[in-house]
PDB file of all heavy atoms in Angstrom:
ATOM      1  N   ASN A   1     -69.798 -30.530   2.673  1.00  0.00           N
ATOM      2  CA  ASN A   1     -68.352 -30.362   2.610  1.00  0.00           C
ATOM      3  C   ASN A   1     -67.898 -28.990   3.111  1.00  0.00           C
ATOM      4  O   ASN A   1     -66.839 -28.864   3.724  1.00  0.00           O
ATOM      5  CB  ASN A   1     -67.858 -30.574   1.181  1.00  0.00           C
ATOM      6  CG  ASN A   1     -67.982 -32.002   0.728  1.00  0.00           C
ATOM      7  OD1 ASN A   1     -67.841 -32.938   1.520  1.00  0.00           O
ATOM      8  ND2 ASN A   1     -68.240 -32.197  -0.559  1.00  0.00           N
ATOM      9  N   ALA A   2     -68.690 -27.980   2.850  1.00  0.00           N
ATOM     10  CA  ALA A   2     -68.319 -26.628   3.258  1.00  0.00           C
ATOM     11  C   ALA A   2     -68.245 -26.501   4.770  1.00  0.00           C
ATOM     12  O   ALA A   2     -67.376 -25.806   5.310  1.00  0.00           O
ATOM     13  CB  ALA A   2     -69.300 -25.619   2.682  1.00  0.00           C
ATOM     14  N   LYS A   3     -69.153 -27.155   5.458  1.00  0.00           N
ATOM     15  CA  LYS A   3     -69.199 -27.082   6.915  1.00  0.00           C
ATOM     16  C   LYS A   3     -68.523 -28.257   7.595  1.00  0.00           C
ATOM     17  O   LYS A   3     -68.442 -28.290   8.826  1.00  0.00           O
ATOM     18  CB  LYS A   3     -70.646 -26.986   7.384  1.00  0.00           C
ATOM     19  CG  LYS A   3     -71.363 -25.731   6.937  1.00  0.00           C
ATOM     20  CD  LYS A   3     -72.774 -25.680   7.494  1.00  0.00           C
ATOM     21  CE  LYS A   3     -73.484 -24.407   7.096  1.00  0.00           C
ATOM     22  NZ  LYS A   3     -74.863 -24.343   7.645  1.00  0.00           N
ATOM     23  N   ASN A   4     -68.075 -29.211   6.813  1.00  0.00           N
ATOM     24  CA  ASN A   4     -67.458 -30.426   7.348  1.00  0.00           C
ATOM     25  C   ASN A   4     -68.397 -31.127   8.326  1.00  0.00           C
ATOM     26  O   ASN A   4     -68.010 -31.487   9.439  1.00  0.00           O
ATOM     27  CB  ASN A   4     -66.122 -30.109   8.015  1.00  0.00           C
ATOM     28  CG  ASN A   4     -65.265 -31.346   8.208  1.00  0.00           C
ATOM     29  OD1 ASN A   4     -65.324 -32.295   7.422  1.00  0.00           O
ATOM     30  ND2 ASN A   4     -64.449 -31.348   9.251  1.00  0.00           N
ATOM     31  N   THR A   5     -69.608 -31.312   7.896  1.00  0.00           N
ATOM     32  CA  THR A   5     -70.598 -31.978   8.721  1.00  0.00           C
ATOM     33  C   THR A   5     -71.300 -33.075   7.930  1.00  0.00           C
ATOM     34  O   THR A   5     -71.292 -33.091   6.699  1.00  0.00           O
ATOM     35  CB  THR A   5     -71.674 -31.013   9.245  1.00  0.00           C
ATOM     36  OG1 THR A   5     -72.404 -30.457   8.148  1.00  0.00           O
ATOM     37  CG2 THR A   5     -71.042 -29.892  10.064  1.00  0.00           C
ATOM     38  N   VAL A   6     -71.893 -33.981   8.660  1.00  0.00           N
ATOM     39  CA  VAL A   6     -72.813 -34.954   8.104  1.00  0.00           C
ATOM     40  C   VAL A   6     -74.167 -34.691   8.737  1.00  0.00           C
ATOM     41  O   VAL A   6     -74.302 -34.700   9.963  1.00  0.00           O
ATOM     42  CB  VAL A   6     -72.359 -36.399   8.355  1.00  0.00           C
ATOM     43  CG1 VAL A   6     -73.447 -37.385   7.927  1.00  0.00           C
ATOM     44  CG2 VAL A   6     -71.075 -36.683   7.583  1.00  0.00           C
ATOM     45  N   ASP A   7     -75.151 -34.450   7.901  1.00  0.00           N
ATOM     46  CA  ASP A   7     -76.456 -34.041   8.387  1.00  0.00           C
ATOM     47  C   ASP A   7     -77.483 -35.147   8.199  1.00  0.00           C
ATOM     48  O   ASP A   7     -77.370 -35.984   7.309  1.00  0.00           O
ATOM     49  CB  ASP A   7     -76.926 -32.788   7.651  1.00  0.00           C
ATOM     50  CG  ASP A   7     -75.974 -31.619   7.817  1.00  0.00           C
ATOM     51  OD1 ASP A   7     -75.277 -31.562   8.850  1.00  0.00           O
ATOM     52  OD2 ASP A   7     -75.934 -30.757   6.914  1.00  0.00           O
ATOM     53  N   LEU A   8     -78.468 -35.128   9.054  1.00  0.00           N
ATOM     54  CA  LEU A   8     -79.574 -36.063   8.960  1.00  0.00           C
ATOM     55  C   LEU A   8     -80.864 -35.266   8.949  1.00  0.00           C
ATOM     56  O   LEU A   8     -81.256 -34.693   9.970  1.00  0.00           O
ATOM     57  CB  LEU A   8     -79.567 -37.050  10.126  1.00  0.00           C
ATOM     58  CG  LEU A   8     -80.631 -38.147  10.076  1.00  0.00           C
ATOM     59  CD1 LEU A   8     -80.339 -39.122   8.938  1.00  0.00           C
ATOM     60  CD2 LEU A   8     -80.701 -38.895  11.404  1.00  0.00           C
ATOM     61  N   GLN A   9     -81.482 -35.204   7.786  1.00  0.00           N
ATOM     62  CA  GLN A   9     -82.775 -34.551   7.655  1.00  0.00           C
ATOM     63  C   GLN A   9     -83.856 -35.563   7.995  1.00  0.00           C
ATOM     64  O   GLN A   9     -83.950 -36.610   7.355  1.00  0.00           O
ATOM     65  CB  GLN A   9     -82.975 -34.014   6.238  1.00  0.00           C
ATOM     66  CG  GLN A   9     -84.318 -33.351   5.997  1.00  0.00           C
ATOM     67  CD  GLN A   9     -84.491 -32.085   6.795  1.00  0.00           C
ATOM     68  OE1 GLN A   9     -83.584 -31.261   6.857  1.00  0.00           O
ATOM     69  NE2 GLN A   9     -85.648 -31.929   7.428  1.00  0.00           N
ATOM     70  N   MET A  10     -84.659 -35.245   8.977  1.00  0.00           N
ATOM     71  CA  MET A  10     -85.690 -36.145   9.453  1.00  0.00           C
ATOM     72  C   MET A  10     -87.050 -35.514   9.213  1.00  0.00           C
ATOM     73  O   MET A  10     -87.370 -34.475   9.786  1.00  0.00           O
ATOM     74  CB  MET A  10     -85.502 -36.457  10.937  1.00  0.00           C
ATOM     75  CG  MET A  10     -84.112 -36.989  11.281  1.00  0.00           C
ATOM     76  SD  MET A  10     -83.969 -37.532  13.008  1.00  0.00           S
ATOM     77  CE  MET A  10     -84.225 -35.965  13.843  1.00  0.00           C
ATOM     78  N   ASN A  11     -87.824 -36.143   8.362  1.00  0.00           N
ATOM     79  CA  ASN A  11     -89.163 -35.675   8.043  1.00  0.00           C
ATOM     80  C   ASN A  11     -90.200 -36.686   8.500  1.00  0.00           C
ATOM     81  O   ASN A  11     -89.890 -37.839   8.774  1.00  0.00           O
ATOM     82  CB  ASN A  11     -89.305 -35.440   6.537  1.00  0.00           C
ATOM     83  CG  ASN A  11     -88.354 -34.396   6.001  1.00  0.00           C
ATOM     84  OD1 ASN A  11     -88.037 -33.427   6.681  1.00  0.00           O
ATOM     85  ND2 ASN A  11     -87.896 -34.582   4.766  1.00  0.00           N
ATOM     86  N   SER A  12     -91.431 -36.231   8.548  1.00  0.00           N
ATOM     87  CA  SER A  12     -92.548 -37.098   8.938  1.00  0.00           C
ATOM     88  C   SER A  12     -92.245 -37.858  10.222  1.00  0.00           C
ATOM     89  O   SER A  12     -92.446 -39.070  10.318  1.00  0.00           O
ATOM     90  CB  SER A  12     -92.874 -38.069   7.798  1.00  0.00           C
ATOM     91  OG  SER A  12     -93.192 -37.380   6.611  1.00  0.00           O
ATOM     92  N   LEU A  13     -91.787 -37.134  11.200  1.00  0.00           N
ATOM     93  CA  LEU A  13     -91.361 -37.764  12.443  1.00  0.00           C
ATOM     94  C   LEU A  13     -92.529 -38.390  13.194  1.00  0.00           C
ATOM     95  O   LEU A  13     -93.646 -37.867  13.185  1.00  0.00           O
ATOM     96  CB  LEU A  13     -90.643 -36.755  13.325  1.00  0.00           C
ATOM     97  CG  LEU A  13     -89.216 -36.431  12.872  1.00  0.00           C
ATOM     98  CD1 LEU A  13     -88.724 -35.139  13.501  1.00  0.00           C
ATOM     99  CD2 LEU A  13     -88.279 -37.590  13.227  1.00  0.00           C
ATOM    100  N   ARG A  14     -92.232 -39.495  13.828  1.00  0.00           N
ATOM    101  CA  ARG A  14     -93.201 -40.246  14.605  1.00  0.00           C
ATOM    102  C   ARG A  14     -92.741 -40.345  16.044  1.00  0.00           C
ATOM    103  O   ARG A  14     -91.565 -40.164  16.342  1.00  0.00           O
ATOM    104  CB  ARG A  14     -93.364 -41.655  14.019  1.00  0.00           C
ATOM    105  CG  ARG A  14     -93.667 -41.692  12.535  1.00  0.00           C
ATOM    106  CD  ARG A  14     -93.413 -43.073  11.971  1.00  0.00           C
ATOM    107  NE  ARG A  14     -93.697 -43.152  10.544  1.00  0.00           N
ATOM    108  CZ  ARG A  14     -93.330 -44.154   9.762  1.00  0.00           C
ATOM    109  NH1 ARG A  14     -92.671 -45.186  10.268  1.00  0.00           N
ATOM    110  NH2 ARG A  14     -93.629 -44.138   8.471  1.00  0.00           N
ATOM    111  N   SER A  15     -93.663 -40.671  16.921  1.00  0.00           N
ATOM    112  CA  SER A  15     -93.316 -40.790  18.326  1.00  0.00           C
ATOM    113  C   SER A  15     -92.240 -41.846  18.548  1.00  0.00           C
ATOM    114  O   SER A  15     -91.393 -41.698  19.436  1.00  0.00           O
ATOM    115  CB  SER A  15     -94.550 -41.109  19.167  1.00  0.00           C
ATOM    116  OG  SER A  15     -95.142 -42.332  18.763  1.00  0.00           O
ATOM    117  N   GLU A  16     -92.255 -42.890  17.741  1.00  0.00           N
ATOM    118  CA  GLU A  16     -91.259 -43.938  17.888  1.00  0.00           C
ATOM    119  C   GLU A  16     -89.862 -43.526  17.439  1.00  0.00           C
ATOM    120  O   GLU A  16     -88.904 -44.280  17.619  1.00  0.00           O
ATOM    121  CB  GLU A  16     -91.688 -45.216  17.144  1.00  0.00           C
ATOM    122  CG  GLU A  16     -92.031 -44.994  15.681  1.00  0.00           C
ATOM    123  CD  GLU A  16     -93.519 -44.828  15.441  1.00  0.00           C
ATOM    124  OE1 GLU A  16     -94.189 -44.166  16.255  1.00  0.00           O
ATOM    125  OE2 GLU A  16     -94.015 -45.376  14.433  1.00  0.00           O
ATOM    126  N   ASP A  17     -89.742 -42.349  16.848  1.00  0.00           N
ATOM    127  CA  ASP A  17     -88.434 -41.812  16.521  1.00  0.00           C
ATOM    128  C   ASP A  17     -87.767 -41.155  17.728  1.00  0.00           C
ATOM    129  O   ASP A  17     -86.601 -40.759  17.646  1.00  0.00           O
ATOM    130  CB  ASP A  17     -88.528 -40.793  15.384  1.00  0.00           C
ATOM    131  CG  ASP A  17     -88.979 -41.420  14.075  1.00  0.00           C
ATOM    132  OD1 ASP A  17     -88.503 -42.526  13.744  1.00  0.00           O
ATOM    133  OD2 ASP A  17     -89.806 -40.796  13.377  1.00  0.00           O
ATOM    134  N   THR A  18     -88.498 -41.019  18.803  1.00  0.00           N
ATOM    135  CA  THR A  18     -87.940 -40.417  20.006  1.00  0.00           C
ATOM    136  C   THR A  18     -86.760 -41.236  20.520  1.00  0.00           C
ATOM    137  O   THR A  18     -86.873 -42.439  20.742  1.00  0.00           O
ATOM    138  CB  THR A  18     -89.012 -40.312  21.094  1.00  0.00           C
ATOM    139  OG1 THR A  18     -90.043 -39.422  20.670  1.00  0.00           O
ATOM    140  CG2 THR A  18     -88.423 -39.789  22.397  1.00  0.00           C
ATOM    141  N   ALA A  19     -85.635 -40.586  20.686  1.00  0.00           N
ATOM    142  CA  ALA A  19     -84.421 -41.264  21.116  1.00  0.00           C
ATOM    143  C   ALA A  19     -83.314 -40.237  21.273  1.00  0.00           C
ATOM    144  O   ALA A  19     -83.441 -39.088  20.855  1.00  0.00           O
ATOM    145  CB  ALA A  19     -83.996 -42.326  20.099  1.00  0.00           C
ATOM    146  N   VAL A  20     -82.227 -40.687  21.866  1.00  0.00           N
ATOM    147  CA  VAL A  20     -80.991 -39.926  21.793  1.00  0.00           C
ATOM    148  C   VAL A  20     -80.283 -40.345  20.515  1.00  0.00           C
ATOM    149  O   VAL A  20     -80.069 -41.541  20.288  1.00  0.00           O
ATOM    150  CB  VAL A  20     -80.088 -40.168  23.007  1.00  0.00           C
ATOM    151  CG1 VAL A  20     -78.782 -39.401  22.867  1.00  0.00           C
ATOM    152  CG2 VAL A  20     -80.800 -39.747  24.291  1.00  0.00           C
ATOM    153  N   TYR A  21     -79.944 -39.379  19.712  1.00  0.00           N
ATOM    154  CA  TYR A  21     -79.291 -39.650  18.441  1.00  0.00           C
ATOM    155  C   TYR A  21     -77.800 -39.378  18.567  1.00  0.00           C
ATOM    156  O   TYR A  21     -77.380 -38.318  19.043  1.00  0.00           O
ATOM    157  CB  TYR A  21     -79.894 -38.787  17.331  1.00  0.00           C
ATOM    158  CG  TYR A  21     -81.228 -39.296  16.857  1.00  0.00           C
ATOM    159  CD1 TYR A  21     -82.353 -39.208  17.682  1.00  0.00           C
ATOM    160  CD2 TYR A  21     -81.375 -39.881  15.601  1.00  0.00           C
ATOM    161  CE1 TYR A  21     -83.574 -39.700  17.260  1.00  0.00           C
ATOM    162  CE2 TYR A  21     -82.596 -40.364  15.173  1.00  0.00           C
ATOM    163  CZ  TYR A  21     -83.696 -40.273  16.005  1.00  0.00           C
ATOM    164  OH  TYR A  21     -84.908 -40.751  15.580  1.00  0.00           O
ATOM    165  N   TYR A  22     -77.008 -40.344  18.131  1.00  0.00           N
ATOM    166  CA  TYR A  22     -75.562 -40.266  18.234  1.00  0.00           C
ATOM    167  C   TYR A  22     -74.920 -40.310  16.857  1.00  0.00           C
ATOM    168  O   TYR A  22     -75.355 -41.062  15.982  1.00  0.00           O
ATOM    169  CB  TYR A  22     -75.008 -41.441  19.049  1.00  0.00           C
ATOM    170  CG  TYR A  22     -75.465 -41.491  20.482  1.00  0.00           C
ATOM    171  CD1 TYR A  22     -76.607 -42.194  20.838  1.00  0.00           C
ATOM    172  CD2 TYR A  22     -74.737 -40.852  21.483  1.00  0.00           C
ATOM    173  CE1 TYR A  22     -77.024 -42.256  22.148  1.00  0.00           C
ATOM    174  CE2 TYR A  22     -75.149 -40.916  22.798  1.00  0.00           C
ATOM    175  CZ  TYR A  22     -76.291 -41.617  23.128  1.00  0.00           C
ATOM    176  OH  TYR A  22     -76.694 -41.673  24.440  1.00  0.00           O
ATOM    177  N   CYS A  23     -73.891 -39.547  16.707  1.00  0.00           N
ATOM    178  CA  CYS A  23     -73.076 -39.598  15.503  1.00  0.00           C
ATOM    179  C   CYS A  23     -71.852 -40.459  15.760  1.00  0.00           C
ATOM    180  O   CYS A  23     -71.236 -40.375  16.822  1.00  0.00           O
ATOM    181  CB  CYS A  23     -72.651 -38.180  15.104  1.00  0.00           C
ATOM    182  SG  CYS A  23     -71.723 -38.103  13.557  1.00  0.00           S
ATOM    183  N   ASN A  24     -71.524 -41.281  14.799  1.00  0.00           N
ATOM    184  CA  ASN A  24     -70.360 -42.145  14.888  1.00  0.00           C
ATOM    185  C   ASN A  24     -69.520 -42.019  13.632  1.00  0.00           C
ATOM    186  O   ASN A  24     -70.042 -42.064  12.523  1.00  0.00           O
ATOM    187  CB  ASN A  24     -70.784 -43.605  15.076  1.00  0.00           C
ATOM    188  CG  ASN A  24     -69.617 -44.565  14.983  1.00  0.00           C
ATOM    189  OD1 ASN A  24     -69.266 -45.028  13.892  1.00  0.00           O
ATOM    190  ND2 ASN A  24     -69.019 -44.865  16.118  1.00  0.00           N
ATOM    191  N   ALA A  25     -68.239 -41.864  13.823  1.00  0.00           N
ATOM    192  CA  ALA A  25     -67.320 -41.814  12.701  1.00  0.00           C
ATOM    193  C   ALA A  25     -66.359 -42.984  12.788  1.00  0.00           C
ATOM    194  O   ALA A  25     -65.701 -43.183  13.816  1.00  0.00           O
ATOM    195  CB  ALA A  25     -66.548 -40.499  12.684  1.00  0.00           C
ATOM    196  N   ALA A  26     -66.308 -43.769  11.739  1.00  0.00           N
ATOM    197  CA  ALA A  26     -65.345 -44.853  11.628  1.00  0.00           C
ATOM    198  C   ALA A  26     -64.162 -44.333  10.833  1.00  0.00           C
ATOM    199  O   ALA A  26     -64.305 -43.989   9.662  1.00  0.00           O
ATOM    200  CB  ALA A  26     -65.973 -46.060  10.945  1.00  0.00           C
ATOM    201  N   ALA A  27     -63.012 -44.277  11.485  1.00  0.00           N
ATOM    202  CA  ALA A  27     -61.855 -43.635  10.880  1.00  0.00           C
ATOM    203  C   ALA A  27     -60.618 -44.496  11.027  1.00  0.00           C
ATOM    204  O   ALA A  27     -60.404 -45.123  12.071  1.00  0.00           O
ATOM    205  CB  ALA A  27     -61.615 -42.264  11.515  1.00  0.00           C
ATOM    206  N   ARG A  28     -59.817 -44.495   9.988  1.00  0.00           N
ATOM    207  CA  ARG A  28     -58.595 -45.268   9.985  1.00  0.00           C
ATOM    208  C   ARG A  28     -57.406 -44.343  10.189  1.00  0.00           C
ATOM    209  O   ARG A  28     -57.252 -43.348   9.480  1.00  0.00           O
ATOM    210  CB  ARG A  28     -58.451 -46.031   8.669  1.00  0.00           C
ATOM    211  CG  ARG A  28     -57.355 -47.085   8.673  1.00  0.00           C
ATOM    212  CD  ARG A  28     -57.317 -47.856   7.362  1.00  0.00           C
ATOM    213  NE  ARG A  28     -58.575 -48.509   7.072  1.00  0.00           N
ATOM    214  CZ  ARG A  28     -58.953 -49.682   7.568  1.00  0.00           C
ATOM    215  NH1 ARG A  28     -58.164 -50.340   8.404  1.00  0.00           N
ATOM    216  NH2 ARG A  28     -60.124 -50.187   7.236  1.00  0.00           N
ATOM    217  N   GLY A  29     -56.568 -44.666  11.152  1.00  0.00           N
ATOM    218  CA  GLY A  29     -55.401 -43.867  11.425  1.00  0.00           C
ATOM    219  C   GLY A  29     -54.413 -43.902  10.280  1.00  0.00           C
ATOM    220  O   GLY A  29     -54.090 -44.978   9.763  1.00  0.00           O
ATOM    221  N   VAL A  30     -53.949 -42.742   9.884  1.00  0.00           N
ATOM    222  CA  VAL A  30     -53.003 -42.683   8.771  1.00  0.00           C
ATOM    223  C   VAL A  30     -51.644 -43.240   9.160  1.00  0.00           C
ATOM    224  O   VAL A  30     -50.868 -43.669   8.295  1.00  0.00           O
ATOM    225  CB  VAL A  30     -52.857 -41.244   8.243  1.00  0.00           C
ATOM    226  CG1 VAL A  30     -54.181 -40.747   7.695  1.00  0.00           C
ATOM    227  CG2 VAL A  30     -52.341 -40.310   9.321  1.00  0.00           C
ATOM    228  N   ARG A  31     -51.348 -43.247  10.439  1.00  0.00           N
ATOM    229  CA  ARG A  31     -50.052 -43.726  10.903  1.00  0.00           C
ATOM    230  C   ARG A  31     -50.031 -45.229  11.134  1.00  0.00           C
ATOM    231  O   ARG A  31     -49.079 -45.910  10.720  1.00  0.00           O
ATOM    232  CB  ARG A  31     -49.639 -43.000  12.185  1.00  0.00           C
ATOM    233  CG  ARG A  31     -48.242 -43.337  12.658  1.00  0.00           C
ATOM    234  CD  ARG A  31     -47.781 -42.395  13.741  1.00  0.00           C
ATOM    235  NE  ARG A  31     -46.423 -42.663  14.161  1.00  0.00           N
ATOM    236  CZ  ARG A  31     -45.746 -41.914  15.011  1.00  0.00           C
ATOM    237  NH1 ARG A  31     -46.317 -40.838  15.539  1.00  0.00           N
ATOM    238  NH2 ARG A  31     -44.503 -42.238  15.333  1.00  0.00           N
ATOM    239  N   ASP A  32     -51.047 -45.755  11.777  1.00  0.00           N
ATOM    240  CA  ASP A  32     -51.061 -47.170  12.095  1.00  0.00           C
ATOM    241  C   ASP A  32     -52.075 -47.973  11.291  1.00  0.00           C
ATOM    242  O   ASP A  32     -52.055 -49.209  11.358  1.00  0.00           O
ATOM    243  CB  ASP A  32     -51.281 -47.394  13.594  1.00  0.00           C
ATOM    244  CG  ASP A  32     -52.590 -46.821  14.108  1.00  0.00           C
ATOM    245  OD1 ASP A  32     -53.475 -46.497  13.290  1.00  0.00           O
ATOM    246  OD2 ASP A  32     -52.735 -46.702  15.339  1.00  0.00           O
TER     247      ASP A  32
END
């Protein structure tokens, strides 16, 4: 909350974890 971030701690990484990682926010417009 202090940094206004969502973090992903990844431990015990494997080769199959190799990828481009994307963040997605689902947000509802306050106006519409």
